[in-house]
Amino acid sequence: MPLPADRVLAAQNLLEELGVATEEHPGGTLGAHLRRVRQQLERWNARPALQLAGLCHAFYGTDGFALAPMPLAHRSRLVEAIGAEAESIVYFYASCDRRASYPTLADTSGADFRDRFTGRRFTPALRERTDFAELTAANELDIARIDAGFREAWGAGLLALFTRLRPLLSPQAWQDCTTVLGD
């Protein structure tokens, strides 16, 4: 299924409107990073909703990126721009309490996910976890490709994380993890 061009344009317009497309980010601007993450997901043959989520994954901030261009109270604006499925992936990604959730995310016996916005703990569906893993890999690998200092400081830890998440990653994503972060 092709990526709807109107949704991509709506997301890019929203980034511009919020004034964050030109925010500094490793490897250039936040807008450039978000476009590269979406393109990486496209190369991995991700479905359109996941690609759109990649383009907008920083809208609510993350546990590792404090800038939150869009308040959670305005989620309906992102739903209007990219659709409900893509927005729910963005929310799930942004809501992850990494310290609490990363250790068990790939557990088949039940991942323990903690929503950092609400404090709620639950076991996410497999699709939520695979989307999260792919988006996390696309995001981190983009920075690692561009910033040697980031790769040196965080590469081993990221490779260990993606090794744990391997059951949730597509073969293409796993191959890129080993290529970019491997010795």
N, C-alpha and C. Protein backbone atom coordinates (compact mmCIF):
# COMPACT_ATOMS: atom_id res chain seq x y z
N MET A 1 0.84 -1.17 0.00
CA MET A 1 0.00 0.00 0.00
C MET A 1 0.89 1.25 0.00
N PRO A 2 0.67 2.16 -0.93
CA PRO A 2 1.53 3.36 -1.01
C PRO A 2 1.26 4.34 0.13
N LEU A 3 2.27 5.10 0.44
CA LEU A 3 2.16 6.12 1.48
C LEU A 3 1.34 7.29 0.93
N PRO A 4 0.28 7.69 1.64
CA PRO A 4 -0.55 8.80 1.15
C PRO A 4 0.21 10.13 1.19
N ALA A 5 0.43 10.71 0.02
CA ALA A 5 1.20 11.96 -0.09
C ALA A 5 0.54 13.09 0.69
N ASP A 6 -0.79 13.11 0.75
CA ASP A 6 -1.46 14.18 1.49
C ASP A 6 -1.16 14.10 2.98
N ARG A 7 -1.00 12.89 3.51
CA ARG A 7 -0.67 12.73 4.93
C ARG A 7 0.76 13.19 5.22
N VAL A 8 1.68 12.87 4.30
CA VAL A 8 3.06 13.32 4.46
C VAL A 8 3.11 14.84 4.44
N LEU A 9 2.42 15.44 3.49
CA LEU A 9 2.38 16.90 3.38
C LEU A 9 1.75 17.51 4.63
N ALA A 10 0.68 16.94 5.13
CA ALA A 10 0.03 17.45 6.34
C ALA A 10 0.98 17.40 7.53
N ALA A 11 1.73 16.30 7.65
CA ALA A 11 2.68 16.17 8.76
C ALA A 11 3.79 17.21 8.63
N GLN A 12 4.31 17.38 7.42
CA GLN A 12 5.38 18.36 7.21
C GLN A 12 4.87 19.79 7.46
N ASN A 13 3.65 20.07 7.06
CA ASN A 13 3.07 21.39 7.32
C ASN A 13 2.92 21.64 8.81
N LEU A 14 2.53 20.61 9.54
CA LEU A 14 2.38 20.72 10.99
C LEU A 14 3.73 20.99 11.65
N LEU A 15 4.76 20.31 11.19
CA LEU A 15 6.11 20.57 11.70
C LEU A 15 6.52 22.02 11.49
N GLU A 16 6.24 22.52 10.30
CA GLU A 16 6.56 23.92 9.99
C GLU A 16 5.75 24.86 10.87
N GLU A 17 4.46 24.59 10.97
CA GLU A 17 3.57 25.43 11.77
C GLU A 17 4.01 25.49 13.23
N LEU A 18 4.45 24.37 13.76
CA LEU A 18 4.90 24.31 15.15
C LEU A 18 6.29 24.91 15.34
N GLY A 19 6.95 25.21 14.22
CA GLY A 19 8.25 25.86 14.27
C GLY A 19 9.39 24.97 14.71
N VAL A 20 9.26 23.67 14.55
CA VAL A 20 10.31 22.78 15.03
C VAL A 20 11.10 22.09 13.91
N ALA A 21 10.69 22.28 12.68
CA ALA A 21 11.40 21.61 11.58
C ALA A 21 12.86 22.02 11.55
N THR A 22 13.15 23.24 11.99
CA THR A 22 14.52 23.75 11.93
C THR A 22 15.25 23.67 13.27
N GLU A 23 14.61 23.05 14.28
CA GLU A 23 15.28 22.85 15.58
C GLU A 23 16.54 22.03 15.39
N GLU A 24 17.58 22.37 16.13
CA GLU A 24 18.82 21.61 16.08
C GLU A 24 18.59 20.18 16.55
N HIS A 25 19.25 19.27 15.87
CA HIS A 25 19.17 17.85 16.21
C HIS A 25 20.45 17.21 15.71
N PRO A 26 20.92 16.15 16.37
CA PRO A 26 22.15 15.51 15.85
C PRO A 26 22.03 15.22 14.35
N GLY A 27 23.00 15.66 13.61
CA GLY A 27 22.99 15.43 12.17
C GLY A 27 22.24 16.50 11.39
N GLY A 28 21.93 17.63 12.03
CA GLY A 28 21.26 18.70 11.30
C GLY A 28 20.06 19.24 12.05
N THR A 29 18.90 19.13 11.41
CA THR A 29 17.68 19.65 12.01
C THR A 29 16.73 18.51 12.37
N LEU A 30 15.78 18.82 13.24
CA LEU A 30 14.78 17.83 13.60
C LEU A 30 13.97 17.42 12.37
N GLY A 31 13.62 18.39 11.53
CA GLY A 31 12.86 18.07 10.32
C GLY A 31 13.61 17.10 9.42
N ALA A 32 14.90 17.32 9.23
CA ALA A 32 15.69 16.41 8.38
C ALA A 32 15.77 15.02 9.01
N HIS A 33 15.96 14.97 10.33
CA HIS A 33 16.02 13.68 11.03
C HIS A 33 14.70 12.92 10.86
N LEU A 34 13.58 13.59 11.07
CA LEU A 34 12.28 12.93 10.95
C LEU A 34 12.05 12.39 9.55
N ARG A 35 12.46 13.14 8.54
CA ARG A 35 12.32 12.67 7.15
C ARG A 35 13.20 11.44 6.91
N ARG A 36 14.41 11.45 7.45
CA ARG A 36 15.30 10.29 7.26
C ARG A 36 14.75 9.05 7.97
N VAL A 37 14.17 9.22 9.14
CA VAL A 37 13.58 8.09 9.85
C VAL A 37 12.44 7.50 9.02
N ARG A 38 11.58 8.35 8.48
CA ARG A 38 10.49 7.85 7.64
C ARG A 38 11.04 7.11 6.42
N GLN A 39 12.06 7.67 5.79
CA GLN A 39 12.66 7.03 4.62
C GLN A 39 13.30 5.69 4.97
N GLN A 40 13.91 5.61 6.15
CA GLN A 40 14.49 4.33 6.58
C GLN A 40 13.39 3.29 6.74
N LEU A 41 12.31 3.66 7.35
CA LEU A 41 11.19 2.73 7.52
C LEU A 41 10.63 2.31 6.16
N GLU A 42 10.61 3.22 5.23
CA GLU A 42 10.16 2.87 3.87
C GLU A 42 11.10 1.83 3.25
N ARG A 43 12.42 2.01 3.42
CA ARG A 43 13.39 1.04 2.88
C ARG A 43 13.21 -0.33 3.53
N TRP A 44 12.73 -0.36 4.76
CA TRP A 44 12.48 -1.62 5.45
C TRP A 44 11.09 -2.17 5.13
N ASN A 45 10.40 -1.54 4.19
CA ASN A 45 9.06 -1.96 3.76
C ASN A 45 8.01 -1.89 4.86
N ALA A 46 8.15 -0.91 5.74
CA ALA A 46 7.14 -0.69 6.78
C ALA A 46 5.84 -0.23 6.14
N ARG A 47 4.73 -0.56 6.78
CA ARG A 47 3.44 -0.13 6.25
C ARG A 47 3.32 1.39 6.40
N PRO A 48 2.42 2.00 5.65
CA PRO A 48 2.30 3.47 5.65
C PRO A 48 2.11 4.09 7.03
N ALA A 49 1.29 3.49 7.89
CA ALA A 49 1.05 4.08 9.22
C ALA A 49 2.36 4.18 10.01
N LEU A 50 3.20 3.17 9.92
CA LEU A 50 4.47 3.19 10.65
C LEU A 50 5.42 4.23 10.04
N GLN A 51 5.42 4.35 8.72
CA GLN A 51 6.24 5.38 8.09
C GLN A 51 5.81 6.78 8.53
N LEU A 52 4.49 7.00 8.57
CA LEU A 52 3.99 8.30 9.02
C LEU A 52 4.35 8.55 10.48
N ALA A 53 4.28 7.52 11.30
CA ALA A 53 4.69 7.65 12.69
C ALA A 53 6.18 8.00 12.78
N GLY A 54 6.98 7.42 11.91
CA GLY A 54 8.40 7.76 11.88
C GLY A 54 8.63 9.23 11.58
N LEU A 55 7.82 9.78 10.71
CA LEU A 55 7.92 11.19 10.35
C LEU A 55 7.50 12.10 11.51
N CYS A 56 6.71 11.58 12.42
CA CYS A 56 6.16 12.40 13.52
C CYS A 56 6.54 11.90 14.90
N HIS A 57 7.48 10.98 15.00
CA HIS A 57 7.72 10.30 16.27
C HIS A 57 8.13 11.21 17.42
N ALA A 58 8.61 12.41 17.15
CA ALA A 58 9.06 13.31 18.21
C ALA A 58 8.00 14.35 18.60
N PHE A 59 6.82 14.28 18.03
CA PHE A 59 5.82 15.33 18.27
C PHE A 59 5.47 15.50 19.74
N TYR A 60 5.42 14.43 20.52
CA TYR A 60 5.07 14.52 21.93
C TYR A 60 6.30 14.43 22.83
N GLY A 61 7.49 14.53 22.24
CA GLY A 61 8.71 14.32 22.98
C GLY A 61 8.88 12.84 23.27
N THR A 62 9.99 12.47 23.85
CA THR A 62 10.23 11.07 24.24
C THR A 62 10.97 11.08 25.57
N ASP A 63 11.14 9.91 26.10
CA ASP A 63 11.89 9.75 27.34
C ASP A 63 13.34 10.20 27.16
N GLY A 64 13.82 10.21 25.92
CA GLY A 64 15.20 10.61 25.66
C GLY A 64 15.33 11.94 24.91
N PHE A 65 14.21 12.58 24.56
CA PHE A 65 14.23 13.83 23.80
C PHE A 65 13.14 14.73 24.36
N ALA A 66 13.54 15.70 25.15
CA ALA A 66 12.59 16.49 25.94
C ALA A 66 11.69 17.41 25.10
N LEU A 67 12.18 17.89 23.97
CA LEU A 67 11.37 18.80 23.16
C LEU A 67 10.07 18.10 22.76
N ALA A 68 8.95 18.72 23.09
CA ALA A 68 7.63 18.18 22.75
C ALA A 68 6.87 19.25 21.98
N PRO A 69 6.97 19.25 20.65
CA PRO A 69 6.34 20.30 19.86
C PRO A 69 4.83 20.38 19.99
N MET A 70 4.18 19.27 20.31
CA MET A 70 2.72 19.26 20.38
C MET A 70 2.28 18.72 21.74
N PRO A 71 1.49 19.50 22.48
CA PRO A 71 0.98 19.00 23.75
C PRO A 71 0.02 17.83 23.54
N LEU A 72 0.01 16.92 24.48
CA LEU A 72 -0.88 15.76 24.39
C LEU A 72 -2.35 16.18 24.27
N ALA A 73 -2.70 17.31 24.81
CA ALA A 73 -4.08 17.79 24.73
C ALA A 73 -4.51 18.06 23.29
N HIS A 74 -3.55 18.13 22.37
CA HIS A 74 -3.85 18.42 20.97
C HIS A 74 -3.65 17.21 20.06
N ARG A 75 -3.76 16.03 20.64
CA ARG A 75 -3.56 14.80 19.85
C ARG A 75 -4.47 14.75 18.64
N SER A 76 -5.65 15.29 18.74
CA SER A 76 -6.60 15.25 17.61
C SER A 76 -6.05 15.94 16.38
N ARG A 77 -5.19 16.93 16.55
CA ARG A 77 -4.58 17.60 15.39
C ARG A 77 -3.65 16.65 14.64
N LEU A 78 -2.91 15.84 15.40
CA LEU A 78 -2.02 14.88 14.74
C LEU A 78 -2.84 13.76 14.10
N VAL A 79 -3.90 13.33 14.76
CA VAL A 79 -4.80 12.33 14.17
C VAL A 79 -5.32 12.84 12.84
N GLU A 80 -5.74 14.09 12.80
CA GLU A 80 -6.26 14.69 11.56
C GLU A 80 -5.20 14.70 10.47
N ALA A 81 -3.96 14.96 10.85
CA ALA A 81 -2.88 15.06 9.86
C ALA A 81 -2.44 13.69 9.34
N ILE A 82 -2.23 12.72 10.23
CA ILE A 82 -1.62 11.45 9.78
C ILE A 82 -2.51 10.24 9.96
N GLY A 83 -3.66 10.40 10.58
CA GLY A 83 -4.57 9.27 10.78
C GLY A 83 -4.42 8.68 12.17
N ALA A 84 -5.48 8.00 12.61
CA ALA A 84 -5.54 7.47 13.97
C ALA A 84 -4.50 6.38 14.23
N GLU A 85 -4.29 5.49 13.27
CA GLU A 85 -3.32 4.40 13.50
C GLU A 85 -1.91 4.94 13.66
N ALA A 86 -1.51 5.84 12.78
CA ALA A 86 -0.16 6.41 12.86
C ALA A 86 0.01 7.22 14.14
N GLU A 87 -1.02 7.98 14.51
CA GLU A 87 -0.92 8.79 15.74
C GLU A 87 -0.81 7.89 16.96
N SER A 88 -1.51 6.76 16.96
CA SER A 88 -1.42 5.87 18.12
C SER A 88 -0.01 5.29 18.26
N ILE A 89 0.66 5.08 17.15
CA ILE A 89 2.06 4.61 17.19
C ILE A 89 2.95 5.71 17.76
N VAL A 90 2.72 6.96 17.33
CA VAL A 90 3.48 8.10 17.85
C VAL A 90 3.29 8.20 19.36
N TYR A 91 2.04 8.11 19.82
CA TYR A 91 1.78 8.20 21.26
C TYR A 91 2.48 7.07 22.00
N PHE A 92 2.34 5.86 21.52
CA PHE A 92 2.95 4.70 22.18
C PHE A 92 4.46 4.90 22.29
N TYR A 93 5.08 5.34 21.20
CA TYR A 93 6.53 5.57 21.17
C TYR A 93 6.91 6.64 22.19
N ALA A 94 6.17 7.75 22.19
CA ALA A 94 6.49 8.86 23.09
C ALA A 94 6.24 8.50 24.55
N SER A 95 5.27 7.64 24.79
CA SER A 95 4.86 7.34 26.17
C SER A 95 5.77 6.35 26.87
N CYS A 96 6.68 5.74 26.16
CA CYS A 96 7.51 4.68 26.74
C CYS A 96 8.45 5.20 27.82
N ASP A 97 8.30 4.67 29.01
CA ASP A 97 9.27 4.86 30.08
C ASP A 97 10.36 3.83 29.80
N ARG A 98 11.44 4.27 29.21
CA ARG A 98 12.46 3.35 28.72
C ARG A 98 13.07 2.47 29.80
N ARG A 99 13.38 3.07 30.93
CA ARG A 99 14.02 2.30 32.01
C ARG A 99 13.10 1.16 32.47
N ALA A 100 11.82 1.44 32.57
CA ALA A 100 10.88 0.43 33.05
C ALA A 100 10.49 -0.56 31.96
N SER A 101 10.48 -0.13 30.69
CA SER A 101 9.91 -0.95 29.62
C SER A 101 10.93 -1.72 28.78
N TYR A 102 12.09 -1.16 28.54
CA TYR A 102 13.05 -1.81 27.65
C TYR A 102 13.43 -3.23 28.07
N PRO A 103 13.64 -3.51 29.35
CA PRO A 103 14.12 -4.85 29.72
C PRO A 103 13.20 -5.99 29.32
N THR A 104 11.90 -5.77 29.24
CA THR A 104 10.98 -6.89 28.97
C THR A 104 10.21 -6.76 27.66
N LEU A 105 10.52 -5.77 26.86
CA LEU A 105 9.72 -5.50 25.66
C LEU A 105 9.59 -6.70 24.72
N ALA A 106 10.62 -7.50 24.61
CA ALA A 106 10.58 -8.65 23.69
C ALA A 106 10.12 -9.94 24.36
N ASP A 107 9.81 -9.90 25.65
CA ASP A 107 9.41 -11.12 26.36
C ASP A 107 8.10 -11.68 25.81
N THR A 108 8.14 -12.94 25.45
CA THR A 108 6.93 -13.58 24.93
C THR A 108 5.95 -13.90 26.06
N SER A 109 6.44 -13.94 27.28
CA SER A 109 5.56 -14.24 28.40
C SER A 109 4.80 -13.02 28.90
N GLY A 110 5.06 -11.88 28.29
CA GLY A 110 4.34 -10.67 28.67
C GLY A 110 5.26 -9.52 28.99
N ALA A 111 5.33 -8.58 28.08
CA ALA A 111 6.15 -7.40 28.29
C ALA A 111 5.48 -6.50 29.32
N ASP A 112 6.28 -5.86 30.12
CA ASP A 112 5.77 -4.91 31.11
C ASP A 112 6.09 -3.51 30.61
N PHE A 113 5.08 -2.83 30.06
CA PHE A 113 5.26 -1.50 29.49
C PHE A 113 4.71 -0.48 30.47
N ARG A 114 5.46 0.59 30.68
CA ARG A 114 5.00 1.68 31.54
C ARG A 114 4.85 2.94 30.72
N ASP A 115 3.64 3.51 30.73
CA ASP A 115 3.33 4.77 30.05
C ASP A 115 3.84 5.91 30.94
N ARG A 116 4.82 6.65 30.46
CA ARG A 116 5.42 7.70 31.28
C ARG A 116 4.49 8.89 31.49
N PHE A 117 3.45 9.02 30.67
CA PHE A 117 2.51 10.12 30.84
C PHE A 117 1.46 9.81 31.90
N THR A 118 1.03 8.57 31.96
CA THR A 118 -0.06 8.21 32.88
C THR A 118 0.39 7.34 34.05
N GLY A 119 1.57 6.71 33.93
CA GLY A 119 2.04 5.79 34.94
C GLY A 119 1.44 4.39 34.80
N ARG A 120 0.53 4.22 33.87
CA ARG A 120 -0.15 2.92 33.68
C ARG A 120 0.84 1.86 33.19
N ARG A 121 0.73 0.67 33.74
CA ARG A 121 1.54 -0.48 33.31
C ARG A 121 0.63 -1.47 32.62
N PHE A 122 1.11 -2.05 31.52
CA PHE A 122 0.30 -3.03 30.78
C PHE A 122 1.21 -3.83 29.87
N THR A 123 0.64 -4.89 29.30
CA THR A 123 1.34 -5.69 28.31
C THR A 123 0.83 -5.29 26.94
N PRO A 124 1.66 -4.64 26.14
CA PRO A 124 1.21 -4.21 24.81
C PRO A 124 1.08 -5.39 23.85
N ALA A 125 0.23 -5.19 22.86
CA ALA A 125 0.06 -6.19 21.82
C ALA A 125 1.37 -6.35 21.03
N LEU A 126 1.53 -7.50 20.41
CA LEU A 126 2.74 -7.78 19.63
C LEU A 126 2.97 -6.71 18.56
N ARG A 127 1.93 -6.31 17.87
CA ARG A 127 2.11 -5.31 16.81
C ARG A 127 2.62 -3.99 17.39
N GLU A 128 2.14 -3.59 18.54
CA GLU A 128 2.63 -2.36 19.17
C GLU A 128 4.12 -2.49 19.47
N ARG A 129 4.52 -3.65 19.94
CA ARG A 129 5.93 -3.86 20.28
C ARG A 129 6.81 -3.93 19.04
N THR A 130 6.33 -4.56 17.98
CA THR A 130 7.15 -4.62 16.75
C THR A 130 7.25 -3.24 16.12
N ASP A 131 6.16 -2.48 16.11
CA ASP A 131 6.22 -1.10 15.60
C ASP A 131 7.22 -0.29 16.41
N PHE A 132 7.14 -0.42 17.73
CA PHE A 132 8.03 0.32 18.61
C PHE A 132 9.49 -0.04 18.33
N ALA A 133 9.77 -1.32 18.20
CA ALA A 133 11.15 -1.76 17.95
C ALA A 133 11.67 -1.23 16.62
N GLU A 134 10.86 -1.33 15.58
CA GLU A 134 11.29 -0.83 14.26
C GLU A 134 11.53 0.68 14.30
N LEU A 135 10.61 1.40 14.92
CA LEU A 135 10.75 2.86 14.99
C LEU A 135 11.96 3.25 15.84
N THR A 136 12.18 2.55 16.93
CA THR A 136 13.35 2.82 17.76
C THR A 136 14.63 2.57 16.97
N ALA A 137 14.68 1.47 16.25
CA ALA A 137 15.87 1.17 15.45
C ALA A 137 16.09 2.23 14.37
N ALA A 138 15.05 2.60 13.66
CA ALA A 138 15.19 3.61 12.60
C ALA A 138 15.67 4.93 13.18
N ASN A 139 15.13 5.31 14.32
CA ASN A 139 15.51 6.56 14.97
C ASN A 139 16.97 6.55 15.41
N GLU A 140 17.34 5.54 16.17
CA GLU A 140 18.70 5.49 16.72
C GLU A 140 19.76 5.27 15.64
N LEU A 141 19.43 4.44 14.65
CA LEU A 141 20.41 4.20 13.58
C LEU A 141 20.64 5.44 12.74
N ASP A 142 19.60 6.26 12.56
CA ASP A 142 19.80 7.50 11.82
C ASP A 142 20.85 8.37 12.51
N ILE A 143 20.73 8.51 13.81
CA ILE A 143 21.69 9.33 14.55
C ILE A 143 23.07 8.68 14.54
N ALA A 144 23.12 7.37 14.73
CA ALA A 144 24.40 6.66 14.75
C ALA A 144 25.14 6.75 13.42
N ARG A 145 24.40 6.75 12.32
CA ARG A 145 25.05 6.86 11.01
C ARG A 145 25.73 8.22 10.82
N ILE A 146 25.12 9.24 11.37
CA ILE A 146 25.55 10.61 11.13
C ILE A 146 26.56 11.11 12.14
N ASP A 147 26.47 10.63 13.37
CA ASP A 147 27.26 11.19 14.46
C ASP A 147 28.18 10.12 15.06
N ALA A 148 29.46 10.17 14.68
CA ALA A 148 30.43 9.18 15.16
C ALA A 148 30.56 9.21 16.68
N GLY A 149 30.48 10.39 17.28
CA GLY A 149 30.57 10.50 18.73
C GLY A 149 29.41 9.79 19.42
N PHE A 150 28.20 9.94 18.87
CA PHE A 150 27.03 9.25 19.40
C PHE A 150 27.21 7.75 19.28
N ARG A 151 27.68 7.32 18.10
CA ARG A 151 27.89 5.89 17.86
C ARG A 151 28.92 5.33 18.83
N GLU A 152 29.98 6.08 19.06
CA GLU A 152 31.02 5.62 19.98
C GLU A 152 30.49 5.54 21.42
N ALA A 153 29.74 6.55 21.82
CA ALA A 153 29.23 6.60 23.20
C ALA A 153 28.10 5.60 23.45
N TRP A 154 27.21 5.42 22.49
CA TRP A 154 25.99 4.66 22.72
C TRP A 154 25.85 3.40 21.87
N GLY A 155 26.74 3.21 20.91
CA GLY A 155 26.62 2.10 19.97
C GLY A 155 26.55 0.73 20.61
N ALA A 156 27.42 0.44 21.55
CA ALA A 156 27.43 -0.89 22.19
C ALA A 156 26.12 -1.13 22.95
N GLY A 157 25.66 -0.12 23.67
CA GLY A 157 24.41 -0.26 24.41
C GLY A 157 23.22 -0.43 23.48
N LEU A 158 23.23 0.31 22.37
CA LEU A 158 22.14 0.17 21.40
C LEU A 158 22.17 -1.21 20.75
N LEU A 159 23.36 -1.69 20.42
CA LEU A 159 23.43 -3.03 19.83
C LEU A 159 22.92 -4.08 20.81
N ALA A 160 23.23 -3.92 22.08
CA ALA A 160 22.72 -4.85 23.10
C ALA A 160 21.19 -4.76 23.17
N LEU A 161 20.65 -3.54 23.13
CA LEU A 161 19.19 -3.36 23.14
C LEU A 161 18.57 -4.04 21.93
N PHE A 162 19.11 -3.78 20.74
CA PHE A 162 18.51 -4.34 19.53
C PHE A 162 18.70 -5.85 19.44
N THR A 163 19.74 -6.37 20.07
CA THR A 163 19.91 -7.81 20.15
C THR A 163 18.77 -8.41 20.98
N ARG A 164 18.44 -7.76 22.10
CA ARG A 164 17.29 -8.21 22.91
C ARG A 164 15.98 -8.07 22.13
N LEU A 165 15.88 -7.01 21.33
CA LEU A 165 14.64 -6.76 20.58
C LEU A 165 14.59 -7.49 19.24
N ARG A 166 15.63 -8.23 18.93
CA ARG A 166 15.71 -8.88 17.62
C ARG A 166 14.45 -9.64 17.21
N PRO A 167 13.78 -10.36 18.13
CA PRO A 167 12.56 -11.05 17.72
C PRO A 167 11.46 -10.11 17.23
N LEU A 168 11.57 -8.83 17.56
CA LEU A 168 10.56 -7.85 17.16
C LEU A 168 10.96 -7.09 15.90
N LEU A 169 12.20 -7.24 15.46
CA LEU A 169 12.71 -6.48 14.32
C LEU A 169 12.57 -7.26 13.02
N SER A 170 12.33 -6.53 11.94
CA SER A 170 12.34 -7.15 10.62
C SER A 170 13.78 -7.56 10.28
N PRO A 171 13.95 -8.51 9.37
CA PRO A 171 15.31 -8.89 8.98
C PRO A 171 16.12 -7.70 8.46
N GLN A 172 15.47 -6.80 7.73
CA GLN A 172 16.18 -5.63 7.19
C GLN A 172 16.65 -4.72 8.31
N ALA A 173 15.81 -4.49 9.31
CA ALA A 173 16.18 -3.63 10.43
C ALA A 173 17.34 -4.26 11.21
N TRP A 174 17.25 -5.56 11.47
CA TRP A 174 18.32 -6.24 12.21
C TRP A 174 19.64 -6.16 11.44
N GLN A 175 19.59 -6.36 10.14
CA GLN A 175 20.81 -6.26 9.33
C GLN A 175 21.43 -4.88 9.45
N ASP A 176 20.61 -3.83 9.40
CA ASP A 176 21.14 -2.47 9.54
C ASP A 176 21.70 -2.25 10.94
N CYS A 177 21.07 -2.80 11.96
CA CYS A 177 21.60 -2.68 13.32
C CYS A 177 23.01 -3.23 13.41
N THR A 178 23.22 -4.41 12.84
CA THR A 178 24.55 -5.01 12.91
C THR A 178 25.55 -4.28 12.02
N THR A 179 25.09 -3.78 10.88
CA THR A 179 25.98 -3.04 9.99
C THR A 179 26.43 -1.71 10.61
N VAL A 180 25.49 -0.96 11.16
CA VAL A 180 25.80 0.37 11.68
C VAL A 180 26.47 0.29 13.06
N LEU A 181 26.03 -0.63 13.91
CA LEU A 181 26.50 -0.66 15.30
C LEU A 181 27.50 -1.75 15.59
N GLY A 182 27.66 -2.70 14.67
CA GLY A 182 28.60 -3.80 14.89
C GLY A 182 30.04 -3.33 14.87
N ASP A 183 30.92 -4.22 15.32
CA ASP A 183 32.35 -3.88 15.39
C ASP A 183 32.95 -3.65 14.04
